[in-house]
Amino acid sequence: MKLASLNQGRDGQLIVVSRDLIRAVKVPNIAPTLQAALDTWAITRPKLEAVYQRLNDGLEGEAFAFDQSACASPLPRAYHWADGSAYVNHVELVRKARGAEMPESFWHDPLIYQGGADTFIAPHSPILMADEAWGIDLEAEIAVVTDDVPMGVSAAEAAGHIQLLMLVNDVSLRNLIPGELAKGFGFYQSKPSSSFSPVAITPDELGDSWRDGKVQRPLTSHINGELFGQPDAGTDMTFNFPTLLAHAAKTRGLGAGSIVGSGTVSNYDRSAGSSCLAEKRMLEIIEHGEAKTPYLRFGDRVRIEMFDSAGQSIFGAIDQVVTEYRG
């Protein structure tokens, strides 16, 4: 099943989207918003799936043409957004570039931080930034959306609480990160609003590409129309999504609609490219002694998308222009 939110009001208007992303239908009689649907997921999911089946069969008379640019992020705001760093090879690379050893614990104890969830960027809206000197970067990721997750859940149990998948652009301000982390209190200013794919999907939409708690497909990023990276999201993922959820829920439950991200998708095989500029810059430092690739500048366009084996877009595209914020 594929779901989206029209960019209307603070929490959007829930719509069901056809598998080919061509048609959609409003479902106010089932749930006004995606958060409302998740709050009563056991009741709303079968009703939404029935609409989805009729829509794909061409039997929904109220269907209209689906426009990705009319969408907010599937959850325009959320009660909980936490981002992991499941691709430890990425962390290892970043630390190596600055001559820092990586603690052995990073291989078995996931990294995760809680980000701002009140103002997600719509997937086709500009990334507004006041200063290029902040080091504006994309981070192409996968995220899961949960129903209610009990505190202390095991990884095996957590797998059953993954209800939806989305793509993420976890915008990062690289030149602000060192100063913040040096304070010993984590990210804040260096992690502005993130954005998510126009469409959220149930894991079964991926077929065999949803396996072992991972999305086994390449994640494609373009910058200014040029391919930047297409690493496989299932390869080299040290911690799968059930493990990340169990880690996040160790000391507290997660409410319905919680979003947990994978962190920057990264492969040891560097021929697949990268999912963030920081990684490419680190590789340049290791090879040449200095970074040659600049961070994003005003006017740069970022596009993040995932395709099935037939070349069909699965989630729609995050397609954004970095734009100067003038207040």
C-alpha atoms as a PDB file:
ATOM      1  CA  MET A   1       0.000   0.000   0.000  1.00  0.00           C
ATOM      2  CA  LYS A   2       1.159   3.528  -0.782  1.00  0.00           C
ATOM      3  CA  LEU A   3       0.081   6.581   1.195  1.00  0.00           C
ATOM      4  CA  ALA A   4       0.782  10.314   0.981  1.00  0.00           C
ATOM      5  CA  SER A   5      -0.320  13.589   2.522  1.00  0.00           C
ATOM      6  CA  LEU A   6      -1.505  16.564   0.504  1.00  0.00           C
ATOM      7  CA  ASN A   7       0.175  19.764   1.665  1.00  0.00           C
ATOM      8  CA  GLN A   8      -2.908  21.127   3.426  1.00  0.00           C
ATOM      9  CA  GLY A   9      -2.889  22.287   7.039  1.00  0.00           C
ATOM     10  CA  ARG A  10      -0.282  21.413   9.632  1.00  0.00           C
ATOM     11  CA  ASP A  11      -0.795  17.655   9.354  1.00  0.00           C
ATOM     12  CA  GLY A  12      -1.757  17.315   5.690  1.00  0.00           C
ATOM     13  CA  GLN A  13      -4.655  15.395   4.175  1.00  0.00           C
ATOM     14  CA  LEU A  14      -4.232  11.644   3.861  1.00  0.00           C
ATOM     15  CA  ILE A  15      -4.538  10.106   0.397  1.00  0.00           C
ATOM     16  CA  VAL A  16      -4.065   6.599  -0.973  1.00  0.00           C
ATOM     17  CA  VAL A  17      -1.764   6.487  -4.029  1.00  0.00           C
ATOM     18  CA  SER A  18      -1.731   3.874  -6.774  1.00  0.00           C
ATOM     19  CA  ARG A  19       1.221   1.518  -7.088  1.00  0.00           C
ATOM     20  CA  ASP A  20       2.405   3.289 -10.261  1.00  0.00           C
ATOM     21  CA  LEU A  21       2.132   6.724  -8.574  1.00  0.00           C
ATOM     22  CA  ILE A  22      -0.297   7.945 -11.238  1.00  0.00           C
ATOM     23  CA  ARG A  23      -3.646   8.134  -9.399  1.00  0.00           C
ATOM     24  CA  ALA A  24      -4.758   8.928  -5.857  1.00  0.00           C
ATOM     25  CA  VAL A  25      -7.916   9.188  -3.788  1.00  0.00           C
ATOM     26  CA  LYS A  26      -8.851  11.044  -0.609  1.00  0.00           C
ATOM     27  CA  VAL A  27     -10.096   8.969   2.329  1.00  0.00           C
ATOM     28  CA  PRO A  28     -11.627  11.369   4.892  1.00  0.00           C
ATOM     29  CA  ASN A  29     -14.168   8.742   5.918  1.00  0.00           C
ATOM     30  CA  ILE A  30     -11.312   6.475   7.064  1.00  0.00           C
ATOM     31  CA  ALA A  31      -8.776   8.951   8.509  1.00  0.00           C
ATOM     32  CA  PRO A  32      -8.156  12.663   7.912  1.00  0.00           C
ATOM     33  CA  THR A  33      -4.385  12.414   8.363  1.00  0.00           C
ATOM     34  CA  LEU A  34      -1.687   9.751   8.321  1.00  0.00           C
ATOM     35  CA  GLN A  35      -1.080  10.268  12.039  1.00  0.00           C
ATOM     36  CA  ALA A  36      -4.768   9.630  12.725  1.00  0.00           C
ATOM     37  CA  ALA A  37      -4.567   6.439  10.665  1.00  0.00           C
ATOM     38  CA  LEU A  38      -1.510   5.242  12.596  1.00  0.00           C
ATOM     39  CA  ASP A  39      -3.169   5.983  15.919  1.00  0.00           C
ATOM     40  CA  THR A  40      -5.784   3.307  15.106  1.00  0.00           C
ATOM     41  CA  TRP A  41      -3.723   1.300  12.607  1.00  0.00           C
ATOM     42  CA  ALA A  42      -5.266  -2.079  13.330  1.00  0.00           C
ATOM     43  CA  ILE A  43      -8.641  -0.639  12.311  1.00  0.00           C
ATOM     44  CA  THR A  44      -7.639   1.734   9.524  1.00  0.00           C
ATOM     45  CA  ARG A  45      -5.062  -0.400   7.711  1.00  0.00           C
ATOM     46  CA  PRO A  46      -7.522  -2.971   6.265  1.00  0.00           C
ATOM     47  CA  LYS A  47      -9.880  -0.179   5.197  1.00  0.00           C
ATOM     48  CA  LEU A  48      -7.053   1.689   3.467  1.00  0.00           C
ATOM     49  CA  GLU A  49      -5.850  -1.514   1.807  1.00  0.00           C
ATOM     50  CA  ALA A  50      -9.322  -2.085   0.372  1.00  0.00           C
ATOM     51  CA  VAL A  51      -9.240   1.408  -1.155  1.00  0.00           C
ATOM     52  CA  TYR A  52      -5.730   0.730  -2.475  1.00  0.00           C
ATOM     53  CA  GLN A  53      -6.878  -2.444  -4.193  1.00  0.00           C
ATOM     54  CA  ARG A  54      -9.832  -0.680  -5.831  1.00  0.00           C
ATOM     55  CA  LEU A  55      -7.576   2.177  -6.915  1.00  0.00           C
ATOM     56  CA  ASN A  56      -5.096  -0.183  -8.589  1.00  0.00           C
ATOM     57  CA  ASP A  57      -7.994  -2.003 -10.258  1.00  0.00           C
ATOM     58  CA  GLY A  58      -9.326   1.263 -11.669  1.00  0.00           C
ATOM     59  CA  LEU A  59     -12.527   1.048  -9.644  1.00  0.00           C
ATOM     60  CA  GLU A  60     -12.187   4.232  -7.550  1.00  0.00           C
ATOM     61  CA  GLY A  61     -14.496   6.767  -9.171  1.00  0.00           C
ATOM     62  CA  GLU A  62     -13.208   9.640  -6.994  1.00  0.00           C
ATOM     63  CA  ALA A  63      -9.575   9.156  -8.048  1.00  0.00           C
ATOM     64  CA  PHE A  64      -7.549  12.089  -9.358  1.00  0.00           C
ATOM     65  CA  ALA A  65      -4.114  12.535 -10.945  1.00  0.00           C
ATOM     66  CA  PHE A  66      -1.362  12.210  -8.347  1.00  0.00           C
ATOM     67  CA  ASP A  67       0.971  15.225  -8.165  1.00  0.00           C
ATOM     68  CA  GLN A  68       4.092  14.719  -6.072  1.00  0.00           C
ATOM     69  CA  SER A  69       4.693  18.455  -5.869  1.00  0.00           C
ATOM     70  CA  ALA A  70       1.346  18.876  -4.063  1.00  0.00           C
ATOM     71  CA  CYS A  71       2.501  16.644  -1.204  1.00  0.00           C
ATOM     72  CA  ALA A  72       3.898  17.373   2.210  1.00  0.00           C
ATOM     73  CA  SER A  73       6.173  14.810   3.799  1.00  0.00           C
ATOM     74  CA  PRO A  74       3.881  11.820   4.604  1.00  0.00           C
ATOM     75  CA  LEU A  75       3.977  12.916   8.237  1.00  0.00           C
ATOM     76  CA  PRO A  76       4.323  16.723   7.936  1.00  0.00           C
ATOM     77  CA  ARG A  77       5.229  16.721  11.619  1.00  0.00           C
ATOM     78  CA  ALA A  78       5.710  13.800  13.969  1.00  0.00           C
ATOM     79  CA  TYR A  79       5.771  13.120  17.671  1.00  0.00           C
ATOM     80  CA  HIS A  80       9.149  11.395  17.385  1.00  0.00           C
ATOM     81  CA  TRP A  81      11.980  11.475  14.823  1.00  0.00           C
ATOM     82  CA  ALA A  82      15.204   9.638  15.643  1.00  0.00           C
ATOM     83  CA  ASP A  83      18.069   8.974  13.264  1.00  0.00           C
ATOM     84  CA  GLY A  84      20.605   6.207  13.566  1.00  0.00           C
ATOM     85  CA  SER A  85      23.959   5.591  11.928  1.00  0.00           C
ATOM     86  CA  ALA A  86      23.503   2.011  10.810  1.00  0.00           C
ATOM     87  CA  TYR A  87      26.248   2.042   8.170  1.00  0.00           C
ATOM     88  CA  VAL A  88      29.266   1.849  10.453  1.00  0.00           C
ATOM     89  CA  ASN A  89      31.686   1.872   7.514  1.00  0.00           C
ATOM     90  CA  HIS A  90      30.520   5.479   6.948  1.00  0.00           C
ATOM     91  CA  VAL A  91      31.324   6.416  10.551  1.00  0.00           C
ATOM     92  CA  GLU A  92      34.676   4.648  10.304  1.00  0.00           C
ATOM     93  CA  LEU A  93      35.552   6.582   7.156  1.00  0.00           C
ATOM     94  CA  VAL A  94      34.667   9.979   8.614  1.00  0.00           C
ATOM     95  CA  ARG A  95      36.753   9.326  11.720  1.00  0.00           C
ATOM     96  CA  LYS A  96      39.672   7.981   9.687  1.00  0.00           C
ATOM     97  CA  ALA A  97      39.796  11.163   7.632  1.00  0.00           C
ATOM     98  CA  ARG A  98      40.383  13.230  10.771  1.00  0.00           C
ATOM     99  CA  GLY A  99      42.834  10.725  12.262  1.00  0.00           C
ATOM    100  CA  ALA A 100      40.499   9.480  14.999  1.00  0.00           C
ATOM    101  CA  GLU A 101      40.168   5.860  16.030  1.00  0.00           C
ATOM    102  CA  MET A 102      36.679   4.394  16.059  1.00  0.00           C
ATOM    103  CA  PRO A 103      35.641   2.713  19.314  1.00  0.00           C
ATOM    104  CA  GLU A 104      35.068  -1.032  18.930  1.00  0.00           C
ATOM    105  CA  SER A 105      31.671  -0.609  20.619  1.00  0.00           C
ATOM    106  CA  PHE A 106      30.354   1.154  17.506  1.00  0.00           C
ATOM    107  CA  TRP A 107      30.096  -2.269  15.825  1.00  0.00           C
ATOM    108  CA  HIS A 108      27.571  -3.619  18.339  1.00  0.00           C
ATOM    109  CA  ASP A 109      26.027  -0.570  20.056  1.00  0.00           C
ATOM    110  CA  PRO A 110      24.059   1.599  17.581  1.00  0.00           C
ATOM    111  CA  LEU A 111      24.487   5.353  17.353  1.00  0.00           C
ATOM    112  CA  ILE A 112      21.237   7.309  17.385  1.00  0.00           C
ATOM    113  CA  TYR A 113      20.094  10.874  18.039  1.00  0.00           C
ATOM    114  CA  GLN A 114      16.667  12.473  18.390  1.00  0.00           C
ATOM    115  CA  GLY A 115      16.017  15.244  15.866  1.00  0.00           C
ATOM    116  CA  GLY A 116      13.477  17.999  15.414  1.00  0.00           C
ATOM    117  CA  ALA A 117      10.134  16.629  14.241  1.00  0.00           C
ATOM    118  CA  ASP A 118       7.853  19.661  14.234  1.00  0.00           C
ATOM    119  CA  THR A 119       8.705  21.218  10.845  1.00  0.00           C
ATOM    120  CA  PHE A 120       9.576  18.629   8.213  1.00  0.00           C
ATOM    121  CA  ILE A 121      10.182  20.060   4.736  1.00  0.00           C
ATOM    122  CA  ALA A 122       7.806  19.058   1.937  1.00  0.00           C
ATOM    123  CA  PRO A 123       9.616  16.824  -0.579  1.00  0.00           C
ATOM    124  CA  HIS A 124       9.432  19.360  -3.409  1.00  0.00           C
ATOM    125  CA  SER A 125       9.854  22.511  -1.309  1.00  0.00           C
ATOM    126  CA  PRO A 126      13.108  24.478  -1.125  1.00  0.00           C
ATOM    127  CA  ILE A 127      15.757  23.864   1.505  1.00  0.00           C
ATOM    128  CA  LEU A 128      15.914  27.317   3.068  1.00  0.00           C
ATOM    129  CA  MET A 129      19.289  28.253   4.576  1.00  0.00           C
ATOM    130  CA  ALA A 130      20.631  31.628   5.638  1.00  0.00           C
ATOM    131  CA  ASP A 131      24.332  30.982   5.058  1.00  0.00           C
ATOM    132  CA  GLU A 132      26.280  28.772   2.637  1.00  0.00           C
ATOM    133  CA  ALA A 133      29.198  28.868   5.099  1.00  0.00           C
ATOM    134  CA  TRP A 134      27.293  26.500   7.376  1.00  0.00           C
ATOM    135  CA  GLY A 135      28.338  23.614   5.094  1.00  0.00           C
ATOM    136  CA  ILE A 136      24.971  22.514   3.679  1.00  0.00           C
ATOM    137  CA  ASP A 137      24.845  18.778   2.936  1.00  0.00           C
ATOM    138  CA  LEU A 138      22.326  16.176   1.858  1.00  0.00           C
ATOM    139  CA  GLU A 139      22.033  12.793   3.555  1.00  0.00           C
ATOM    140  CA  ALA A 140      20.077  10.197   1.585  1.00  0.00           C
ATOM    141  CA  GLU A 141      18.561   7.618   3.933  1.00  0.00           C
ATOM    142  CA  ILE A 142      15.733   5.145   4.529  1.00  0.00           C
ATOM    143  CA  ALA A 143      13.310   5.498   7.440  1.00  0.00           C
ATOM    144  CA  VAL A 144      10.639   3.345   9.037  1.00  0.00           C
ATOM    145  CA  VAL A 145       7.386   4.486  10.649  1.00  0.00           C
ATOM    146  CA  THR A 146       6.031   2.499  13.576  1.00  0.00           C
ATOM    147  CA  ASP A 147       2.821   1.764  15.374  1.00  0.00           C
ATOM    148  CA  ASP A 148       3.009   1.764  19.200  1.00  0.00           C
ATOM    149  CA  VAL A 149       6.278   0.107  20.242  1.00  0.00           C
ATOM    150  CA  PRO A 150       6.490  -1.125  23.860  1.00  0.00           C
ATOM    151  CA  MET A 151       9.471  -0.243  26.017  1.00  0.00           C
ATOM    152  CA  GLY A 152      12.053  -3.037  26.191  1.00  0.00           C
ATOM    153  CA  VAL A 153      10.940  -4.702  22.964  1.00  0.00           C
ATOM    154  CA  SER A 154      13.351  -7.212  21.425  1.00  0.00           C
ATOM    155  CA  ALA A 155      14.622  -6.836  17.882  1.00  0.00           C
ATOM    156  CA  ALA A 156      12.539  -9.834  16.814  1.00  0.00           C
ATOM    157  CA  GLU A 157       9.421  -8.272  18.311  1.00  0.00           C
ATOM    158  CA  ALA A 158      10.270  -4.812  16.940  1.00  0.00           C
ATOM    159  CA  ALA A 159      10.115  -6.127  13.365  1.00  0.00           C
ATOM    160  CA  GLY A 160       6.339  -6.480  13.705  1.00  0.00           C
ATOM    161  CA  HIS A 161       5.968  -2.811  14.622  1.00  0.00           C
ATOM    162  CA  ILE A 162       7.415  -1.493  11.332  1.00  0.00           C
ATOM    163  CA  GLN A 163       4.369  -0.319   9.370  1.00  0.00           C
ATOM    164  CA  LEU A 164       5.693   2.065   6.716  1.00  0.00           C
ATOM    165  CA  LEU A 165       8.905   2.944   4.890  1.00  0.00           C
ATOM    166  CA  MET A 166      10.028   6.303   3.487  1.00  0.00           C
ATOM    167  CA  LEU A 167      13.084   7.953   1.964  1.00  0.00           C
ATOM    168  CA  VAL A 168      14.800  10.773   3.861  1.00  0.00           C
ATOM    169  CA  ASN A 169      16.949  13.783   3.137  1.00  0.00           C
ATOM    170  CA  ASP A 170      18.455  14.419   6.563  1.00  0.00           C
ATOM    171  CA  VAL A 171      19.836  17.884   5.831  1.00  0.00           C
ATOM    172  CA  SER A 172      23.043  18.516   7.787  1.00  0.00           C
ATOM    173  CA  LEU A 173      25.147  21.628   8.382  1.00  0.00           C
ATOM    174  CA  ARG A 174      28.643  20.161   8.459  1.00  0.00           C
ATOM    175  CA  ASN A 175      30.522  23.263   9.544  1.00  0.00           C
ATOM    176  CA  LEU A 176      28.303  23.673  12.612  1.00  0.00           C
ATOM    177  CA  ILE A 177      28.608  20.048  13.747  1.00  0.00           C
ATOM    178  CA  PRO A 178      32.142  20.118  15.248  1.00  0.00           C
ATOM    179  CA  GLY A 179      31.393  23.020  17.570  1.00  0.00           C
ATOM    180  CA  GLU A 180      28.160  21.474  18.764  1.00  0.00           C
ATOM    181  CA  LEU A 181      29.623  18.022  19.376  1.00  0.00           C
ATOM    182  CA  ALA A 182      32.557  19.588  21.225  1.00  0.00           C
ATOM    183  CA  LYS A 183      30.082  20.803  23.838  1.00  0.00           C
ATOM    184  CA  GLY A 184      29.263  17.158  24.608  1.00  0.00           C
ATOM    185  CA  PHE A 185      25.524  17.651  24.301  1.00  0.00           C
ATOM    186  CA  GLY A 186      24.728  16.527  20.754  1.00  0.00           C
ATOM    187  CA  PHE A 187      23.231  18.013  17.581  1.00  0.00           C
ATOM    188  CA  TYR A 188      20.783  20.885  17.444  1.00  0.00           C
ATOM    189  CA  GLN A 189      21.542  23.836  15.141  1.00  0.00           C
ATOM    190  CA  SER A 190      23.569  21.561  12.856  1.00  0.00           C
ATOM    191  CA  LYS A 191      20.533  19.347  12.184  1.00  0.00           C
ATOM    192  CA  PRO A 192      17.780  21.522  10.655  1.00  0.00           C
ATOM    193  CA  SER A 193      14.473  20.241   9.287  1.00  0.00           C
ATOM    194  CA  SER A 194      14.572  16.984   7.324  1.00  0.00           C
ATOM    195  CA  SER A 195      12.373  16.001   4.399  1.00  0.00           C
ATOM    196  CA  PHE A 196      10.796  12.713   3.375  1.00  0.00           C
ATOM    197  CA  SER A 197       9.665  11.113   0.137  1.00  0.00           C
ATOM    198  CA  PRO A 198       6.211  12.085  -1.177  1.00  0.00           C
ATOM    199  CA  VAL A 199       4.979   8.537  -0.607  1.00  0.00           C
ATOM    200  CA  ALA A 200       5.228   6.155   2.350  1.00  0.00           C
ATOM    201  CA  ILE A 201       4.825   2.456   1.567  1.00  0.00           C
ATOM    202  CA  THR A 202       4.050  -0.695   3.499  1.00  0.00           C
ATOM    203  CA  PRO A 203       7.046  -3.073   3.459  1.00  0.00           C
ATOM    204  CA  ASP A 204       5.195  -5.691   1.382  1.00  0.00           C
ATOM    205  CA  GLU A 205       5.328  -3.285  -1.592  1.00  0.00           C
ATOM    206  CA  LEU A 206       9.030  -4.133  -1.886  1.00  0.00           C
ATOM    207  CA  GLY A 207       8.502  -7.872  -2.208  1.00  0.00           C
ATOM    208  CA  ASP A 208      11.842  -9.690  -1.876  1.00  0.00           C
ATOM    209  CA  SER A 209      13.620  -6.346  -1.633  1.00  0.00           C
ATOM    210  CA  TRP A 210      12.410  -6.083   1.980  1.00  0.00           C
ATOM    211  CA  ARG A 211      14.505  -8.757   3.643  1.00  0.00           C
ATOM    212  CA  ASP A 212      16.250  -9.203   7.009  1.00  0.00           C
ATOM    213  CA  GLY A 213      14.826  -5.906   8.232  1.00  0.00           C
ATOM    214  CA  LYS A 214      16.580  -4.006   5.428  1.00  0.00           C
ATOM    215  CA  VAL A 215      15.633  -2.412   2.103  1.00  0.00           C
ATOM    216  CA  GLN A 216      17.650  -4.309  -0.495  1.00  0.00           C
ATOM    217  CA  ARG A 217      17.635  -1.712  -3.284  1.00  0.00           C
ATOM    218  CA  PRO A 218      20.018   1.038  -4.472  1.00  0.00           C
ATOM    219  CA  LEU A 219      19.245   4.547  -3.227  1.00  0.00           C
ATOM    220  CA  THR A 220      19.911   7.093  -5.967  1.00  0.00           C
ATOM    221  CA  SER A 221      21.003  10.689  -5.419  1.00  0.00           C
ATOM    222  CA  HIS A 222      21.497  13.382  -8.053  1.00  0.00           C
ATOM    223  CA  ILE A 223      22.988  16.851  -7.584  1.00  0.00           C
ATOM    224  CA  ASN A 224      22.189  19.362 -10.312  1.00  0.00           C
ATOM    225  CA  GLY A 225      21.047  16.554 -12.598  1.00  0.00           C
ATOM    226  CA  GLU A 226      24.264  14.534 -12.296  1.00  0.00           C
ATOM    227  CA  LEU A 227      24.355  11.141 -10.613  1.00  0.00           C
ATOM    228  CA  PHE A 228      26.043  11.490  -7.244  1.00  0.00           C
ATOM    229  CA  GLY A 229      25.564   8.030  -5.744  1.00  0.00           C
ATOM    230  CA  GLN A 230      23.526   4.845  -5.822  1.00  0.00           C
ATOM    231  CA  PRO A 231      24.774   2.659  -2.959  1.00  0.00           C
ATOM    232  CA  ASP A 232      22.655  -0.361  -2.080  1.00  0.00           C
ATOM    233  CA  ALA A 233      20.669   0.249   1.096  1.00  0.00           C
ATOM    234  CA  GLY A 234      20.816  -3.384   2.186  1.00  0.00           C
ATOM    235  CA  THR A 235      24.547  -3.842   1.707  1.00  0.00           C
ATOM    236  CA  ASP A 236      26.908  -3.031   4.602  1.00  0.00           C
ATOM    237  CA  MET A 237      24.023  -2.054   6.900  1.00  0.00           C
ATOM    238  CA  THR A 238      25.488  -3.109  10.239  1.00  0.00           C
ATOM    239  CA  PHE A 239      22.278  -2.630  12.238  1.00  0.00           C
ATOM    240  CA  ASN A 240      18.944  -3.482  10.619  1.00  0.00           C
ATOM    241  CA  PHE A 241      15.760  -1.570  11.397  1.00  0.00           C
ATOM    242  CA  PRO A 242      14.426  -3.966  14.066  1.00  0.00           C
ATOM    243  CA  THR A 243      17.753  -3.608  15.905  1.00  0.00           C
ATOM    244  CA  LEU A 244      17.562   0.189  15.701  1.00  0.00           C
ATOM    245  CA  LEU A 245      13.983   0.131  17.017  1.00  0.00           C
ATOM    246  CA  ALA A 246      14.895  -2.144  19.914  1.00  0.00           C
ATOM    247  CA  HIS A 247      17.778   0.187  20.776  1.00  0.00           C
ATOM    248  CA  ALA A 248      15.520   3.261  20.662  1.00  0.00           C
ATOM    249  CA  ALA A 249      12.860   1.582  22.820  1.00  0.00           C
ATOM    250  CA  LYS A 250      15.222   0.256  25.501  1.00  0.00           C
ATOM    251  CA  THR A 251      14.143   2.802  28.131  1.00  0.00           C
ATOM    252  CA  ARG A 252      10.881   4.205  26.722  1.00  0.00           C
ATOM    253  CA  GLY A 253       8.085   3.198  24.425  1.00  0.00           C
ATOM    254  CA  LEU A 254       7.714   4.720  20.976  1.00  0.00           C
ATOM    255  CA  GLY A 255       4.336   6.181  20.101  1.00  0.00           C
ATOM    256  CA  ALA A 256       2.471   5.427  16.891  1.00  0.00           C
ATOM    257  CA  GLY A 257       3.915   7.508  14.070  1.00  0.00           C
ATOM    258  CA  SER A 258       7.467   7.429  15.380  1.00  0.00           C
ATOM    259  CA  ILE A 259      10.058   7.713  12.608  1.00  0.00           C
ATOM    260  CA  VAL A 260      13.477   6.049  12.836  1.00  0.00           C
ATOM    261  CA  GLY A 261      16.087   6.641  10.146  1.00  0.00           C
ATOM    262  CA  SER A 262      18.954   4.481   8.977  1.00  0.00           C
ATOM    263  CA  GLY A 263      21.596   7.172   8.728  1.00  0.00           C
ATOM    264  CA  THR A 264      23.503   7.877   5.529  1.00  0.00           C
ATOM    265  CA  VAL A 265      23.401   4.878   3.187  1.00  0.00           C
ATOM    266  CA  SER A 266      26.986   3.855   2.457  1.00  0.00           C
ATOM    267  CA  ASN A 267      28.826   0.927   0.866  1.00  0.00           C
ATOM    268  CA  TYR A 268      32.424  -0.220   1.179  1.00  0.00           C
ATOM    269  CA  ASP A 269      32.358  -0.467  -2.619  1.00  0.00           C
ATOM    270  CA  ARG A 270      32.981   3.213  -3.337  1.00  0.00           C
ATOM    271  CA  SER A 271      32.219   2.749  -7.054  1.00  0.00           C
ATOM    272  CA  ALA A 272      28.542   3.097  -6.109  1.00  0.00           C
ATOM    273  CA  GLY A 273      29.177   6.677  -5.046  1.00  0.00           C
ATOM    274  CA  SER A 274      28.028   8.317  -1.827  1.00  0.00           C
ATOM    275  CA  SER A 275      24.826   9.537  -0.215  1.00  0.00           C
ATOM    276  CA  CYS A 276      26.294  12.682   1.319  1.00  0.00           C
ATOM    277  CA  LEU A 277      28.954  15.217   0.359  1.00  0.00           C
ATOM    278  CA  ALA A 278      30.816  14.757   3.638  1.00  0.00           C
ATOM    279  CA  GLU A 279      31.663  11.172   2.713  1.00  0.00           C
ATOM    280  CA  LYS A 280      32.950  12.154  -0.719  1.00  0.00           C
ATOM    281  CA  ARG A 281      35.022  14.916   0.845  1.00  0.00           C
ATOM    282  CA  MET A 282      36.485  12.466   3.360  1.00  0.00           C
ATOM    283  CA  LEU A 283      37.514  10.117   0.549  1.00  0.00           C
ATOM    284  CA  GLU A 284      39.196  13.053  -1.189  1.00  0.00           C
ATOM    285  CA  ILE A 285      41.068  13.963   1.990  1.00  0.00           C
ATOM    286  CA  ILE A 286      42.319  10.386   2.348  1.00  0.00           C
ATOM    287  CA  GLU A 287      43.405  10.208  -1.298  1.00  0.00           C
ATOM    288  CA  HIS A 288      44.575  13.758  -2.011  1.00  0.00           C
ATOM    289  CA  GLY A 289      45.138  15.306   1.397  1.00  0.00           C
ATOM    290  CA  GLU A 290      42.335  17.822   0.917  1.00  0.00           C
ATOM    291  CA  ALA A 291      38.631  18.008   0.074  1.00  0.00           C
ATOM    292  CA  LYS A 292      37.883  19.242  -3.437  1.00  0.00           C
ATOM    293  CA  THR A 293      34.086  18.892  -3.619  1.00  0.00           C
ATOM    294  CA  PRO A 294      32.184  21.869  -2.157  1.00  0.00           C
ATOM    295  CA  TYR A 295      29.121  21.612   0.008  1.00  0.00           C
ATOM    296  CA  LEU A 296      25.769  22.651  -1.447  1.00  0.00           C
ATOM    297  CA  ARG A 297      25.311  26.219  -2.577  1.00  0.00           C
ATOM    298  CA  PHE A 298      22.253  28.354  -3.217  1.00  0.00           C
ATOM    299  CA  GLY A 299      20.619  27.212  -6.447  1.00  0.00           C
ATOM    300  CA  ASP A 300      21.850  23.608  -6.210  1.00  0.00           C
ATOM    301  CA  ARG A 301      19.193  20.948  -6.780  1.00  0.00           C
ATOM    302  CA  VAL A 302      19.104  17.650  -4.887  1.00  0.00           C
ATOM    303  CA  ARG A 303      17.053  14.647  -6.020  1.00  0.00           C
ATOM    304  CA  ILE A 304      16.756  11.412  -4.016  1.00  0.00           C
ATOM    305  CA  GLU A 305      14.808   8.422  -5.348  1.00  0.00           C
ATOM    306  CA  MET A 306      14.592   4.627  -5.333  1.00  0.00           C
ATOM    307  CA  PHE A 307      13.533   2.451  -8.263  1.00  0.00           C
ATOM    308  CA  ASP A 308      12.277  -1.123  -8.538  1.00  0.00           C
ATOM    309  CA  SER A 309      13.836  -3.689 -10.863  1.00  0.00           C
ATOM    310  CA  ALA A 310      11.661  -2.415 -13.734  1.00  0.00           C
ATOM    311  CA  GLY A 311      12.838   1.176 -13.279  1.00  0.00           C
ATOM    312  CA  GLN A 312       9.594   2.399 -11.657  1.00  0.00           C
ATOM    313  CA  SER A 313       9.924   4.976  -8.889  1.00  0.00           C
ATOM    314  CA  ILE A 314       8.821   3.376  -5.617  1.00  0.00           C
ATOM    315  CA  PHE A 315       8.435   6.310  -3.224  1.00  0.00           C
ATOM    316  CA  GLY A 316       8.382   9.235  -5.635  1.00  0.00           C
ATOM    317  CA  ALA A 317      11.264  11.703  -5.478  1.00  0.00           C
ATOM    318  CA  ILE A 318      12.621  14.165  -2.967  1.00  0.00           C
ATOM    319  CA  ASP A 319      13.457  17.028  -5.334  1.00  0.00           C
ATOM    320  CA  GLN A 320      14.630  20.240  -3.693  1.00  0.00           C
ATOM    321  CA  VAL A 321      16.563  23.420  -4.457  1.00  0.00           C
ATOM    322  CA  VAL A 322      18.832  24.977  -1.833  1.00  0.00           C
ATOM    323  CA  THR A 323      17.506  28.519  -1.461  1.00  0.00           C
ATOM    324  CA  GLU A 324      18.718  31.531   0.484  1.00  0.00           C
ATOM    325  CA  TYR A 325      16.549  32.334   3.492  1.00  0.00           C
ATOM    326  CA  ARG A 326      16.034  36.083   3.802  1.00  0.00           C
ATOM    327  CA  GLY A 327      13.706  36.105   6.801  1.00  0.00           C
END
